Amino acid sequence: MSDAASLPFVTVISTGGTIARYSDNPCDTVDYAEIGQDLDSSDLLSALPAVVRARFRVREITFSQKDSSHLDMSQWAALACRIRDLLAENPDMAGIVVTHGTTTLEEGAFFLDLVLHEDRPVVLVGAQRPASAISADGPANLHAALLVAACPQARGKGVLVVADNEVHAAAAVTKAATYRLDTFRSPDFGPLGVIEGDVVHFARQPLGRRHIDSAALGRIAHGWPRVDICYSYSGGDGAAIAAFHAAGARGIVVASMLPGMCAPGENDALDAARAQGVVVVMSSQGSCGATIPRQDLRQRGIVAAGRLRPRQARILLTLCLAMDMSMERIAEIFDIS
């Protein structure tokens, strides 16, 4: 028998999502979100075999029981504060696992990665199938996440996403498939590592990370600045951009046609918004490659998103605006290789 005090201490925080949903129909992998029941963190852990649970000293916390499409930056900010406090109060804690719905998991992971500067790993994990489904992937993903959170080699790599026995950097990962188990991918450079058997193998370090002073979380009391995403398309006339501006957007992120182009009408609307002080960030609809700060964008005062996808760029721009950063500083923090 192992001495419990010698086991790696990991906190599991449940926020809801598919991994924490149960349906009476074991064949239901579609409608469970609306007709199923919620599970809490203790339910998730009880699905793991006793021999697996015996390898860790786990604290269970239920933060929320929501589909991740209902989460927003206010809730991620509160989650970040909770994580920060838990790590500060428990120096013996190896790491934290956050179970999260996959719909906005890449956004939640990126937000946490921006504001948490802890060396110890924070690992986000979800599932594509509910806990009641045939061959549910949640227990295996949760086991893998516990292994990563307890792994000394995971320290210093920022917030991580674990799925389908792969480990991804928060800034690089995206959900690429609607129902397939290998939905989470890092299109440009691949995962940081893999889990094989019970062993975590890291092949590389994450690329340059961005940091936002966690004092930005205090701005929650005053509300977050409005930042919208505009999807560009051939023949677009800029009506959506004008509507976002009229609604009070302080920033607009463009999901442009690759490699960072918009229709003429959209460009006119973006330039008009820029002239009124709206910060514009040009990203692309593609899953691979960077949006480069080419001469045209620089001359028009438009920030290039680099390798950030539109939803990530929106989160970063919102935090920058919440901290009243200058245009020069915003362009600098986006322009990271």
C-alpha atoms as a PDB file:
ATOM      1  CA  MET A   1       0.000   0.000   0.000  1.00  0.00           C
ATOM      2  CA  SER A   2       1.264   3.459  -0.885  1.00  0.00           C
ATOM      3  CA  ASP A   3       1.527   6.172   1.696  1.00  0.00           C
ATOM      4  CA  ALA A   4      -1.237   8.621   0.701  1.00  0.00           C
ATOM      5  CA  ALA A   5       0.937  11.612   1.572  1.00  0.00           C
ATOM      6  CA  SER A   6       3.506  10.520  -1.010  1.00  0.00           C
ATOM      7  CA  LEU A   7       1.006  10.416  -3.871  1.00  0.00           C
ATOM      8  CA  PRO A   8       0.901  13.352  -6.305  1.00  0.00           C
ATOM      9  CA  PHE A   9      -1.667  15.897  -5.113  1.00  0.00           C
ATOM     10  CA  VAL A  10      -3.933  17.105  -7.941  1.00  0.00           C
ATOM     11  CA  THR A  11      -7.080  19.230  -7.756  1.00  0.00           C
ATOM     12  CA  VAL A  12      -9.833  18.485 -10.270  1.00  0.00           C
ATOM     13  CA  ILE A  13     -12.149  21.424 -10.976  1.00  0.00           C
ATOM     14  CA  SER A  14     -15.328  20.614 -12.892  1.00  0.00           C
ATOM     15  CA  THR A  15     -16.987  23.300 -15.016  1.00  0.00           C
ATOM     16  CA  GLY A  16     -19.497  21.125 -16.880  1.00  0.00           C
ATOM     17  CA  GLY A  17     -19.623  20.185 -20.553  1.00  0.00           C
ATOM     18  CA  THR A  18     -19.954  16.862 -22.358  1.00  0.00           C
ATOM     19  CA  ILE A  19     -17.505  15.126 -20.036  1.00  0.00           C
ATOM     20  CA  ALA A  20     -19.945  15.867 -17.196  1.00  0.00           C
ATOM     21  CA  ARG A  21     -23.198  14.943 -18.953  1.00  0.00           C
ATOM     22  CA  TYR A  22     -25.183  11.707 -18.740  1.00  0.00           C
ATOM     23  CA  SER A  23     -28.000  10.417 -20.931  1.00  0.00           C
ATOM     24  CA  ASP A  24     -30.371   7.506 -20.322  1.00  0.00           C
ATOM     25  CA  ASN A  25     -29.677   6.353 -23.878  1.00  0.00           C
ATOM     26  CA  PRO A  26     -26.160   4.873 -24.271  1.00  0.00           C
ATOM     27  CA  CYS A  27     -26.357   5.468 -28.028  1.00  0.00           C
ATOM     28  CA  ASP A  28     -27.036   9.188 -27.598  1.00  0.00           C
ATOM     29  CA  THR A  29     -23.989  11.224 -28.602  1.00  0.00           C
ATOM     30  CA  VAL A  30     -25.957  14.174 -30.024  1.00  0.00           C
ATOM     31  CA  ASP A  31     -28.959  15.218 -27.911  1.00  0.00           C
ATOM     32  CA  TYR A  32     -27.512  14.632 -24.420  1.00  0.00           C
ATOM     33  CA  ALA A  33     -26.646  18.329 -23.997  1.00  0.00           C
ATOM     34  CA  GLU A  34     -30.315  19.284 -23.955  1.00  0.00           C
ATOM     35  CA  ILE A  35     -31.962  16.190 -22.425  1.00  0.00           C
ATOM     36  CA  GLY A  36     -29.238  14.690 -20.245  1.00  0.00           C
ATOM     37  CA  GLN A  37     -28.291  15.160 -16.592  1.00  0.00           C
ATOM     38  CA  ASP A  38     -25.314  16.920 -15.025  1.00  0.00           C
ATOM     39  CA  LEU A  39     -22.501  15.165 -13.197  1.00  0.00           C
ATOM     40  CA  ASP A  40     -20.139  16.776 -10.692  1.00  0.00           C
ATOM     41  CA  SER A  41     -16.418  16.231 -10.137  1.00  0.00           C
ATOM     42  CA  SER A  42     -16.923  13.283  -7.775  1.00  0.00           C
ATOM     43  CA  ASP A  43     -19.025  11.514 -10.420  1.00  0.00           C
ATOM     44  CA  LEU A  44     -16.272  12.010 -12.993  1.00  0.00           C
ATOM     45  CA  LEU A  45     -13.615  10.559 -10.709  1.00  0.00           C
ATOM     46  CA  SER A  46     -15.764   7.619  -9.669  1.00  0.00           C
ATOM     47  CA  ALA A  47     -15.861   6.541 -13.327  1.00  0.00           C
ATOM     48  CA  LEU A  48     -12.138   5.838 -13.125  1.00  0.00           C
ATOM     49  CA  PRO A  49     -11.084   2.358 -11.938  1.00  0.00           C
ATOM     50  CA  ALA A  50     -10.038   2.191  -8.287  1.00  0.00           C
ATOM     51  CA  VAL A  51      -6.500   1.220  -9.279  1.00  0.00           C
ATOM     52  CA  VAL A  52      -6.225   4.492 -11.221  1.00  0.00           C
ATOM     53  CA  ARG A  53      -7.703   6.669  -8.451  1.00  0.00           C
ATOM     54  CA  ALA A  54      -5.275   5.087  -5.982  1.00  0.00           C
ATOM     55  CA  ARG A  55      -2.340   6.623  -7.854  1.00  0.00           C
ATOM     56  CA  PHE A  56      -3.288  10.195  -7.002  1.00  0.00           C
ATOM     57  CA  ARG A  57      -4.352  12.278  -4.028  1.00  0.00           C
ATOM     58  CA  VAL A  58      -7.249  14.211  -5.517  1.00  0.00           C
ATOM     59  CA  ARG A  59      -9.291  17.160  -4.312  1.00  0.00           C
ATOM     60  CA  GLU A  60     -12.637  17.597  -6.095  1.00  0.00           C
ATOM     61  CA  ILE A  61     -14.218  20.992  -6.728  1.00  0.00           C
ATOM     62  CA  THR A  62     -17.352  21.683  -8.754  1.00  0.00           C
ATOM     63  CA  PHE A  63     -16.990  25.208 -10.164  1.00  0.00           C
ATOM     64  CA  SER A  64     -20.009  25.114 -12.471  1.00  0.00           C
ATOM     65  CA  GLN A  65     -22.249  22.715 -14.380  1.00  0.00           C
ATOM     66  CA  LYS A  66     -22.675  24.489 -17.692  1.00  0.00           C
ATOM     67  CA  ASP A  67     -22.346  23.737 -21.331  1.00  0.00           C
ATOM     68  CA  SER A  68     -19.191  25.573 -22.337  1.00  0.00           C
ATOM     69  CA  SER A  69     -21.119  27.642 -24.885  1.00  0.00           C
ATOM     70  CA  HIS A  70     -22.588  29.407 -21.807  1.00  0.00           C
ATOM     71  CA  LEU A  71     -19.181  30.329 -20.377  1.00  0.00           C
ATOM     72  CA  ASP A  72     -17.637  33.732 -20.989  1.00  0.00           C
ATOM     73  CA  MET A  73     -14.658  35.800 -19.908  1.00  0.00           C
ATOM     74  CA  SER A  74     -16.295  36.805 -16.644  1.00  0.00           C
ATOM     75  CA  GLN A  75     -16.508  33.158 -15.608  1.00  0.00           C
ATOM     76  CA  TRP A  76     -13.035  32.317 -16.904  1.00  0.00           C
ATOM     77  CA  ALA A  77     -11.715  35.253 -14.878  1.00  0.00           C
ATOM     78  CA  ALA A  78     -13.377  33.887 -11.750  1.00  0.00           C
ATOM     79  CA  LEU A  79     -11.963  30.443 -12.546  1.00  0.00           C
ATOM     80  CA  ALA A  80      -8.483  31.912 -12.992  1.00  0.00           C
ATOM     81  CA  CYS A  81      -8.705  33.606  -9.594  1.00  0.00           C
ATOM     82  CA  ARG A  82      -9.806  30.323  -8.013  1.00  0.00           C
ATOM     83  CA  ILE A  83      -6.907  28.458  -9.607  1.00  0.00           C
ATOM     84  CA  ARG A  84      -4.425  31.131  -8.575  1.00  0.00           C
ATOM     85  CA  ASP A  85      -5.632  31.006  -4.965  1.00  0.00           C
ATOM     86  CA  LEU A  86      -5.579  27.202  -4.824  1.00  0.00           C
ATOM     87  CA  LEU A  87      -2.002  27.056  -6.070  1.00  0.00           C
ATOM     88  CA  ALA A  88      -0.890  29.770  -3.652  1.00  0.00           C
ATOM     89  CA  GLU A  89      -2.563  28.048  -0.693  1.00  0.00           C
ATOM     90  CA  ASN A  90      -1.238  24.581  -1.530  1.00  0.00           C
ATOM     91  CA  PRO A  91       2.480  24.584  -2.313  1.00  0.00           C
ATOM     92  CA  ASP A  92       2.453  20.771  -2.243  1.00  0.00           C
ATOM     93  CA  MET A  93      -0.081  20.582  -5.080  1.00  0.00           C
ATOM     94  CA  ALA A  94       1.447  19.083  -8.226  1.00  0.00           C
ATOM     95  CA  GLY A  95      -1.062  20.638 -10.598  1.00  0.00           C
ATOM     96  CA  ILE A  96      -4.685  21.312 -11.462  1.00  0.00           C
ATOM     97  CA  VAL A  97      -7.032  19.596 -13.901  1.00  0.00           C
ATOM     98  CA  VAL A  98     -10.023  21.562 -15.222  1.00  0.00           C
ATOM     99  CA  THR A  99     -12.772  19.559 -16.909  1.00  0.00           C
ATOM    100  CA  HIS A 100     -14.398  21.757 -19.538  1.00  0.00           C
ATOM    101  CA  GLY A 101     -16.821  21.505 -22.432  1.00  0.00           C
ATOM    102  CA  THR A 102     -15.063  21.196 -25.766  1.00  0.00           C
ATOM    103  CA  THR A 103     -17.111  23.850 -27.578  1.00  0.00           C
ATOM    104  CA  THR A 104     -15.138  26.756 -26.077  1.00  0.00           C
ATOM    105  CA  LEU A 105     -12.276  24.802 -24.505  1.00  0.00           C
ATOM    106  CA  GLU A 106      -9.660  26.410 -26.737  1.00  0.00           C
ATOM    107  CA  GLU A 107     -10.887  29.861 -25.698  1.00  0.00           C
ATOM    108  CA  GLY A 108     -10.961  29.028 -21.994  1.00  0.00           C
ATOM    109  CA  ALA A 109      -7.503  27.481 -22.145  1.00  0.00           C
ATOM    110  CA  PHE A 110      -6.058  30.500 -23.954  1.00  0.00           C
ATOM    111  CA  PHE A 111      -7.632  32.946 -21.498  1.00  0.00           C
ATOM    112  CA  LEU A 112      -6.167  31.048 -18.544  1.00  0.00           C
ATOM    113  CA  ASP A 113      -2.782  30.811 -20.239  1.00  0.00           C
ATOM    114  CA  LEU A 114      -2.692  34.584 -20.669  1.00  0.00           C
ATOM    115  CA  VAL A 115      -3.432  35.451 -17.039  1.00  0.00           C
ATOM    116  CA  LEU A 116      -1.932  32.571 -15.037  1.00  0.00           C
ATOM    117  CA  HIS A 117       1.807  32.738 -14.572  1.00  0.00           C
ATOM    118  CA  GLU A 118       2.249  29.693 -12.354  1.00  0.00           C
ATOM    119  CA  ASP A 119       4.997  27.179 -13.004  1.00  0.00           C
ATOM    120  CA  ARG A 120       2.796  24.237 -12.032  1.00  0.00           C
ATOM    121  CA  PRO A 121       0.645  22.730 -14.784  1.00  0.00           C
ATOM    122  CA  VAL A 122      -2.993  23.642 -15.302  1.00  0.00           C
ATOM    123  CA  VAL A 123      -4.518  21.049 -17.624  1.00  0.00           C
ATOM    124  CA  LEU A 124      -7.846  21.434 -19.415  1.00  0.00           C
ATOM    125  CA  VAL A 125      -9.646  18.304 -20.536  1.00  0.00           C
ATOM    126  CA  GLY A 126     -13.000  17.492 -22.087  1.00  0.00           C
ATOM    127  CA  ALA A 127     -14.796  14.740 -23.960  1.00  0.00           C
ATOM    128  CA  GLN A 128     -16.551  14.270 -27.266  1.00  0.00           C
ATOM    129  CA  ARG A 129     -19.001  11.719 -25.884  1.00  0.00           C
ATOM    130  CA  PRO A 130     -21.100  11.946 -22.723  1.00  0.00           C
ATOM    131  CA  ALA A 131     -20.261   9.760 -19.744  1.00  0.00           C
ATOM    132  CA  SER A 132     -23.173   7.438 -20.560  1.00  0.00           C
ATOM    133  CA  ALA A 133     -22.126   6.728 -24.145  1.00  0.00           C
ATOM    134  CA  ILE A 134     -20.751   3.498 -25.518  1.00  0.00           C
ATOM    135  CA  SER A 135     -16.945   3.866 -25.405  1.00  0.00           C
ATOM    136  CA  ALA A 136     -17.130   7.220 -23.604  1.00  0.00           C
ATOM    137  CA  ASP A 137     -13.801   9.024 -23.939  1.00  0.00           C
ATOM    138  CA  GLY A 138     -14.097  11.111 -20.768  1.00  0.00           C
ATOM    139  CA  PRO A 139     -12.533   8.647 -18.286  1.00  0.00           C
ATOM    140  CA  ALA A 140      -9.501   7.983 -20.488  1.00  0.00           C
ATOM    141  CA  ASN A 141      -9.019  11.698 -21.129  1.00  0.00           C
ATOM    142  CA  LEU A 142      -9.345  12.467 -17.411  1.00  0.00           C
ATOM    143  CA  HIS A 143      -6.788   9.799 -16.523  1.00  0.00           C
ATOM    144  CA  ALA A 144      -4.388  11.243 -19.092  1.00  0.00           C
ATOM    145  CA  ALA A 145      -4.935  14.754 -17.707  1.00  0.00           C
ATOM    146  CA  LEU A 146      -4.160  13.557 -14.169  1.00  0.00           C
ATOM    147  CA  LEU A 147      -0.932  12.005 -15.430  1.00  0.00           C
ATOM    148  CA  VAL A 148       0.079  15.278 -17.096  1.00  0.00           C
ATOM    149  CA  ALA A 149      -0.866  17.422 -14.080  1.00  0.00           C
ATOM    150  CA  ALA A 150       1.299  15.190 -11.875  1.00  0.00           C
ATOM    151  CA  CYS A 151       4.207  15.075 -14.339  1.00  0.00           C
ATOM    152  CA  PRO A 152       7.270  17.134 -13.303  1.00  0.00           C
ATOM    153  CA  GLN A 153       8.153  17.658 -16.977  1.00  0.00           C
ATOM    154  CA  ALA A 154       4.845  19.507 -17.486  1.00  0.00           C
ATOM    155  CA  ARG A 155       5.972  22.356 -15.238  1.00  0.00           C
ATOM    156  CA  GLY A 156       6.716  25.668 -16.911  1.00  0.00           C
ATOM    157  CA  LYS A 157       4.832  24.862 -20.104  1.00  0.00           C
ATOM    158  CA  GLY A 158       1.802  27.018 -19.363  1.00  0.00           C
ATOM    159  CA  VAL A 159      -1.793  25.915 -19.589  1.00  0.00           C
ATOM    160  CA  LEU A 160      -2.118  22.602 -21.421  1.00  0.00           C
ATOM    161  CA  VAL A 161      -4.943  20.794 -23.196  1.00  0.00           C
ATOM    162  CA  VAL A 162      -5.075  17.002 -23.044  1.00  0.00           C
ATOM    163  CA  ALA A 163      -7.234  14.919 -25.373  1.00  0.00           C
ATOM    164  CA  ASP A 164      -6.966  11.610 -27.176  1.00  0.00           C
ATOM    165  CA  ASN A 165      -3.590  10.918 -25.476  1.00  0.00           C
ATOM    166  CA  GLU A 166      -2.015  14.107 -26.810  1.00  0.00           C
ATOM    167  CA  VAL A 167      -0.783  17.196 -24.940  1.00  0.00           C
ATOM    168  CA  HIS A 168      -1.280  20.574 -26.619  1.00  0.00           C
ATOM    169  CA  ALA A 169      -0.200  24.132 -25.808  1.00  0.00           C
ATOM    170  CA  ALA A 170      -3.156  26.418 -25.073  1.00  0.00           C
ATOM    171  CA  ALA A 171      -2.175  28.990 -27.702  1.00  0.00           C
ATOM    172  CA  ALA A 172      -1.746  26.407 -30.462  1.00  0.00           C
ATOM    173  CA  VAL A 173      -4.706  24.061 -30.097  1.00  0.00           C
ATOM    174  CA  THR A 174      -8.044  24.208 -31.872  1.00  0.00           C
ATOM    175  CA  LYS A 175     -11.161  22.054 -32.058  1.00  0.00           C
ATOM    176  CA  ALA A 176     -11.147  20.740 -35.612  1.00  0.00           C
ATOM    177  CA  ALA A 177     -13.940  18.148 -35.778  1.00  0.00           C
ATOM    178  CA  THR A 178     -17.532  18.126 -34.581  1.00  0.00           C
ATOM    179  CA  TYR A 179     -17.792  14.589 -33.193  1.00  0.00           C
ATOM    180  CA  ARG A 180     -14.515  12.757 -33.835  1.00  0.00           C
ATOM    181  CA  LEU A 181     -12.387  11.838 -30.833  1.00  0.00           C
ATOM    182  CA  ASP A 182      -9.241  13.365 -32.348  1.00  0.00           C
ATOM    183  CA  THR A 183     -10.894  16.762 -32.506  1.00  0.00           C
ATOM    184  CA  PHE A 184      -8.128  18.741 -30.754  1.00  0.00           C
ATOM    185  CA  ARG A 185      -5.169  19.503 -32.958  1.00  0.00           C
ATOM    186  CA  SER A 186      -2.273  21.937 -33.127  1.00  0.00           C
ATOM    187  CA  PRO A 187      -2.212  22.492 -36.896  1.00  0.00           C
ATOM    188  CA  ASP A 188       1.060  24.357 -37.324  1.00  0.00           C
ATOM    189  CA  PHE A 189       3.556  22.371 -35.273  1.00  0.00           C
ATOM    190  CA  GLY A 190       1.670  19.489 -33.692  1.00  0.00           C
ATOM    191  CA  PRO A 191       1.246  18.519 -30.021  1.00  0.00           C
ATOM    192  CA  LEU A 192       3.844  19.166 -27.354  1.00  0.00           C
ATOM    193  CA  GLY A 193       3.766  15.553 -26.273  1.00  0.00           C
ATOM    194  CA  VAL A 194       1.866  12.304 -25.996  1.00  0.00           C
ATOM    195  CA  ILE A 195       0.721   9.887 -23.320  1.00  0.00           C
ATOM    196  CA  GLU A 196       1.725   6.306 -24.052  1.00  0.00           C
ATOM    197  CA  GLY A 197       0.685   3.726 -21.510  1.00  0.00           C
ATOM    198  CA  ASP A 198       1.052   5.536 -18.192  1.00  0.00           C
ATOM    199  CA  VAL A 199       3.980   7.702 -19.280  1.00  0.00           C
ATOM    200  CA  VAL A 200       3.925  11.316 -20.472  1.00  0.00           C
ATOM    201  CA  HIS A 201       6.470  12.100 -23.201  1.00  0.00           C
ATOM    202  CA  PHE A 202       7.203  15.711 -24.157  1.00  0.00           C
ATOM    203  CA  ALA A 203       8.877  16.301 -27.516  1.00  0.00           C
ATOM    204  CA  ARG A 204       9.214  20.086 -27.370  1.00  0.00           C
ATOM    205  CA  GLN A 205       8.530  23.285 -25.483  1.00  0.00           C
ATOM    206  CA  PRO A 206       5.642  25.606 -26.425  1.00  0.00           C
ATOM    207  CA  LEU A 207       6.539  28.546 -28.630  1.00  0.00           C
ATOM    208  CA  GLY A 208       6.655  32.060 -27.202  1.00  0.00           C
ATOM    209  CA  ARG A 209       3.832  32.717 -24.748  1.00  0.00           C
ATOM    210  CA  ARG A 210       1.986  35.961 -24.159  1.00  0.00           C
ATOM    211  CA  HIS A 211       1.322  37.243 -20.658  1.00  0.00           C
ATOM    212  CA  ILE A 212      -1.280  39.719 -19.465  1.00  0.00           C
ATOM    213  CA  ASP A 213      -0.921  41.201 -15.992  1.00  0.00           C
ATOM    214  CA  SER A 214      -3.458  39.351 -13.864  1.00  0.00           C
ATOM    215  CA  ALA A 215      -4.520  42.745 -12.491  1.00  0.00           C
ATOM    216  CA  ALA A 216      -6.753  42.760 -15.575  1.00  0.00           C
ATOM    217  CA  LEU A 217      -9.002  40.353 -13.754  1.00  0.00           C
ATOM    218  CA  GLY A 218      -9.921  43.173 -11.387  1.00  0.00           C
ATOM    219  CA  ARG A 219     -11.563  44.967 -14.310  1.00  0.00           C
ATOM    220  CA  ILE A 220     -14.364  42.426 -14.175  1.00  0.00           C
ATOM    221  CA  ALA A 221     -16.304  44.738 -11.839  1.00  0.00           C
ATOM    222  CA  HIS A 222     -16.458  47.349 -14.599  1.00  0.00           C
ATOM    223  CA  GLY A 223     -17.403  44.965 -17.403  1.00  0.00           C
ATOM    224  CA  TRP A 224     -15.337  43.827 -20.339  1.00  0.00           C
ATOM    225  CA  PRO A 225     -14.935  46.033 -23.413  1.00  0.00           C
ATOM    226  CA  ARG A 226     -16.958  44.881 -26.387  1.00  0.00           C
ATOM    227  CA  VAL A 227     -14.942  43.107 -29.091  1.00  0.00           C
ATOM    228  CA  ASP A 228     -16.680  41.450 -32.040  1.00  0.00           C
ATOM    229  CA  ILE A 229     -15.601  39.053 -34.797  1.00  0.00           C
ATOM    230  CA  CYS A 230     -16.490  39.727 -38.425  1.00  0.00           C
ATOM    231  CA  TYR A 231     -16.384  36.839 -40.919  1.00  0.00           C
ATOM    232  CA  SER A 232     -15.094  38.045 -44.281  1.00  0.00           C
ATOM    233  CA  TYR A 233     -16.395  36.716 -47.600  1.00  0.00           C
ATOM    234  CA  SER A 234     -16.356  37.547 -51.290  1.00  0.00           C
ATOM    235  CA  GLY A 235     -18.685  40.455 -51.975  1.00  0.00           C
ATOM    236  CA  GLY A 236     -18.964  41.475 -48.324  1.00  0.00           C
ATOM    237  CA  ASP A 237     -20.176  45.070 -48.033  1.00  0.00           C
ATOM    238  CA  GLY A 238     -19.051  45.827 -44.460  1.00  0.00           C
ATOM    239  CA  ALA A 239     -22.577  46.074 -43.023  1.00  0.00           C
ATOM    240  CA  ALA A 240     -21.682  43.773 -40.137  1.00  0.00           C
ATOM    241  CA  ILE A 241     -18.580  45.833 -39.352  1.00  0.00           C
ATOM    242  CA  ALA A 242     -20.621  49.045 -39.313  1.00  0.00           C
ATOM    243  CA  ALA A 243     -23.213  47.373 -37.065  1.00  0.00           C
ATOM    244  CA  PHE A 244     -20.565  46.220 -34.587  1.00  0.00           C
ATOM    245  CA  HIS A 245     -19.135  49.748 -34.518  1.00  0.00           C
ATOM    246  CA  ALA A 246     -22.596  51.232 -33.971  1.00  0.00           C
ATOM    247  CA  ALA A 247     -23.203  48.753 -31.128  1.00  0.00           C
ATOM    248  CA  GLY A 248     -20.197  50.114 -29.265  1.00  0.00           C
ATOM    249  CA  ALA A 249     -17.414  47.748 -30.207  1.00  0.00           C
ATOM    250  CA  ARG A 250     -14.030  49.001 -29.070  1.00  0.00           C
ATOM    251  CA  GLY A 251     -12.342  46.289 -31.079  1.00  0.00           C
ATOM    252  CA  ILE A 252     -13.111  44.212 -34.157  1.00  0.00           C
ATOM    253  CA  VAL A 253     -11.355  40.998 -35.097  1.00  0.00           C
ATOM    254  CA  VAL A 254     -11.621  40.035 -38.754  1.00  0.00           C
ATOM    255  CA  ALA A 255     -11.771  36.358 -39.713  1.00  0.00           C
ATOM    256  CA  SER A 256     -10.430  37.245 -43.126  1.00  0.00           C
ATOM    257  CA  MET A 257     -10.096  35.374 -46.368  1.00  0.00           C
ATOM    258  CA  LEU A 258      -6.643  33.828 -46.477  1.00  0.00           C
ATOM    259  CA  PRO A 259      -3.909  35.013 -46.169  1.00  0.00           C
ATOM    260  CA  GLY A 260      -5.457  38.137 -44.643  1.00  0.00           C
ATOM    261  CA  MET A 261      -7.611  39.769 -47.275  1.00  0.00           C
ATOM    262  CA  CYS A 262     -11.066  41.370 -47.217  1.00  0.00           C
ATOM    263  CA  ALA A 263     -13.570  42.470 -49.845  1.00  0.00           C
ATOM    264  CA  PRO A 264     -13.383  46.173 -50.838  1.00  0.00           C
ATOM    265  CA  GLY A 265     -16.584  47.069 -48.976  1.00  0.00           C
ATOM    266  CA  GLU A 266     -15.280  45.405 -45.844  1.00  0.00           C
ATOM    267  CA  ASN A 267     -11.994  47.293 -46.097  1.00  0.00           C
ATOM    268  CA  ASP A 268     -13.876  50.602 -46.376  1.00  0.00           C
ATOM    269  CA  ALA A 269     -15.897  49.791 -43.241  1.00  0.00           C
ATOM    270  CA  LEU A 270     -12.778  48.730 -41.333  1.00  0.00           C
ATOM    271  CA  ASP A 271     -10.967  51.935 -42.251  1.00  0.00           C
ATOM    272  CA  ALA A 272     -13.958  53.984 -41.149  1.00  0.00           C
ATOM    273  CA  ALA A 273     -14.023  52.175 -37.808  1.00  0.00           C
ATOM    274  CA  ARG A 274     -10.268  52.673 -37.378  1.00  0.00           C
ATOM    275  CA  ALA A 275     -10.693  56.392 -37.998  1.00  0.00           C
ATOM    276  CA  GLN A 276     -13.100  56.477 -35.036  1.00  0.00           C
ATOM    277  CA  GLY A 277     -10.601  54.760 -32.718  1.00  0.00           C
ATOM    278  CA  VAL A 278     -11.783  51.143 -33.028  1.00  0.00           C
ATOM    279  CA  VAL A 279      -8.875  48.698 -32.792  1.00  0.00           C
ATOM    280  CA  VAL A 280      -8.910  46.258 -35.708  1.00  0.00           C
ATOM    281  CA  VAL A 281      -7.083  42.927 -35.668  1.00  0.00           C
ATOM    282  CA  MET A 282      -6.714  40.938 -38.881  1.00  0.00           C
ATOM    283  CA  SER A 283      -6.782  37.179 -38.426  1.00  0.00           C
ATOM    284  CA  SER A 284      -7.762  34.514 -40.935  1.00  0.00           C
ATOM    285  CA  GLN A 285     -10.274  31.712 -41.379  1.00  0.00           C
ATOM    286  CA  GLY A 286      -7.497  29.187 -41.930  1.00  0.00           C
ATOM    287  CA  SER A 287      -6.326  26.617 -39.416  1.00  0.00           C
ATOM    288  CA  CYS A 288      -2.655  26.861 -40.409  1.00  0.00           C
ATOM    289  CA  GLY A 289      -0.221  29.686 -40.952  1.00  0.00           C
ATOM    290  CA  ALA A 290       0.148  33.207 -39.652  1.00  0.00           C
ATOM    291  CA  THR A 291      -1.512  36.474 -40.603  1.00  0.00           C
ATOM    292  CA  ILE A 292       1.540  38.601 -41.362  1.00  0.00           C
ATOM    293  CA  PRO A 293       1.781  42.351 -40.515  1.00  0.00           C
ATOM    294  CA  ARG A 294       2.351  43.264 -44.143  1.00  0.00           C
ATOM    295  CA  GLN A 295       2.778  46.839 -45.361  1.00  0.00           C
ATOM    296  CA  ASP A 296      -0.902  47.445 -46.211  1.00  0.00           C
ATOM    297  CA  LEU A 297      -2.035  46.532 -42.702  1.00  0.00           C
ATOM    298  CA  ARG A 298       0.661  48.629 -41.044  1.00  0.00           C
ATOM    299  CA  GLN A 299      -0.204  51.677 -43.143  1.00  0.00           C
ATOM    300  CA  ARG A 300      -3.898  51.348 -42.221  1.00  0.00           C
ATOM    301  CA  GLY A 301      -3.176  50.897 -38.500  1.00  0.00           C
ATOM    302  CA  ILE A 302      -4.493  47.324 -38.464  1.00  0.00           C
ATOM    303  CA  VAL A 303      -2.905  44.773 -36.141  1.00  0.00           C
ATOM    304  CA  ALA A 304      -1.970  41.360 -37.538  1.00  0.00           C
ATOM    305  CA  ALA A 305      -3.021  38.407 -35.381  1.00  0.00           C
ATOM    306  CA  GLY A 306      -0.012  36.224 -36.172  1.00  0.00           C
ATOM    307  CA  ARG A 307      -0.880  32.569 -35.536  1.00  0.00           C
ATOM    308  CA  LEU A 308      -3.872  33.334 -33.322  1.00  0.00           C
ATOM    309  CA  ARG A 309      -7.236  32.234 -34.645  1.00  0.00           C
ATOM    310  CA  PRO A 310     -10.147  34.720 -34.548  1.00  0.00           C
ATOM    311  CA  ARG A 311     -11.659  33.586 -31.230  1.00  0.00           C
ATOM    312  CA  GLN A 312      -8.252  33.638 -29.538  1.00  0.00           C
ATOM    313  CA  ALA A 313      -7.454  37.044 -31.024  1.00  0.00           C
ATOM    314  CA  ARG A 314     -10.739  38.361 -29.601  1.00  0.00           C
ATOM    315  CA  ILE A 315      -9.788  37.212 -26.102  1.00  0.00           C
ATOM    316  CA  LEU A 316      -6.337  38.779 -26.276  1.00  0.00           C
ATOM    317  CA  LEU A 317      -7.670  42.054 -27.699  1.00  0.00           C
ATOM    318  CA  THR A 318     -10.368  42.231 -25.017  1.00  0.00           C
ATOM    319  CA  LEU A 319      -7.767  41.856 -22.274  1.00  0.00           C
ATOM    320  CA  CYS A 320      -5.513  44.452 -23.925  1.00  0.00           C
ATOM    321  CA  LEU A 321      -8.358  46.955 -24.124  1.00  0.00           C
ATOM    322  CA  ALA A 322      -9.419  46.207 -20.553  1.00  0.00           C
ATOM    323  CA  MET A 323      -5.938  47.270 -19.492  1.00  0.00           C
ATOM    324  CA  ASP A 324      -6.044  50.434 -21.637  1.00  0.00           C
ATOM    325  CA  MET A 325      -2.979  49.415 -23.634  1.00  0.00           C
ATOM    326  CA  SER A 326      -1.728  51.739 -26.346  1.00  0.00           C
ATOM    327  CA  MET A 327      -1.970  50.747 -30.010  1.00  0.00           C
ATOM    328  CA  GLU A 328       1.794  50.290 -30.051  1.00  0.00           C
ATOM    329  CA  ARG A 329       1.674  47.897 -27.098  1.00  0.00           C
ATOM    330  CA  ILE A 330      -1.254  45.970 -28.586  1.00  0.00           C
ATOM    331  CA  ALA A 331       0.599  45.501 -31.867  1.00  0.00           C
ATOM    332  CA  GLU A 332       3.675  44.400 -29.939  1.00  0.00           C
ATOM    333  CA  ILE A 333       1.886  41.782 -27.870  1.00  0.00           C
ATOM    334  CA  PHE A 334       0.199  40.326 -30.964  1.00  0.00           C
ATOM    335  CA  ASP A 335       3.428  40.291 -32.973  1.00  0.00           C
ATOM    336  CA  ILE A 336       5.101  37.289 -31.326  1.00  0.00           C
ATOM    337  CA  SER A 337       6.814  34.594 -33.372  1.00  0.00           C
END
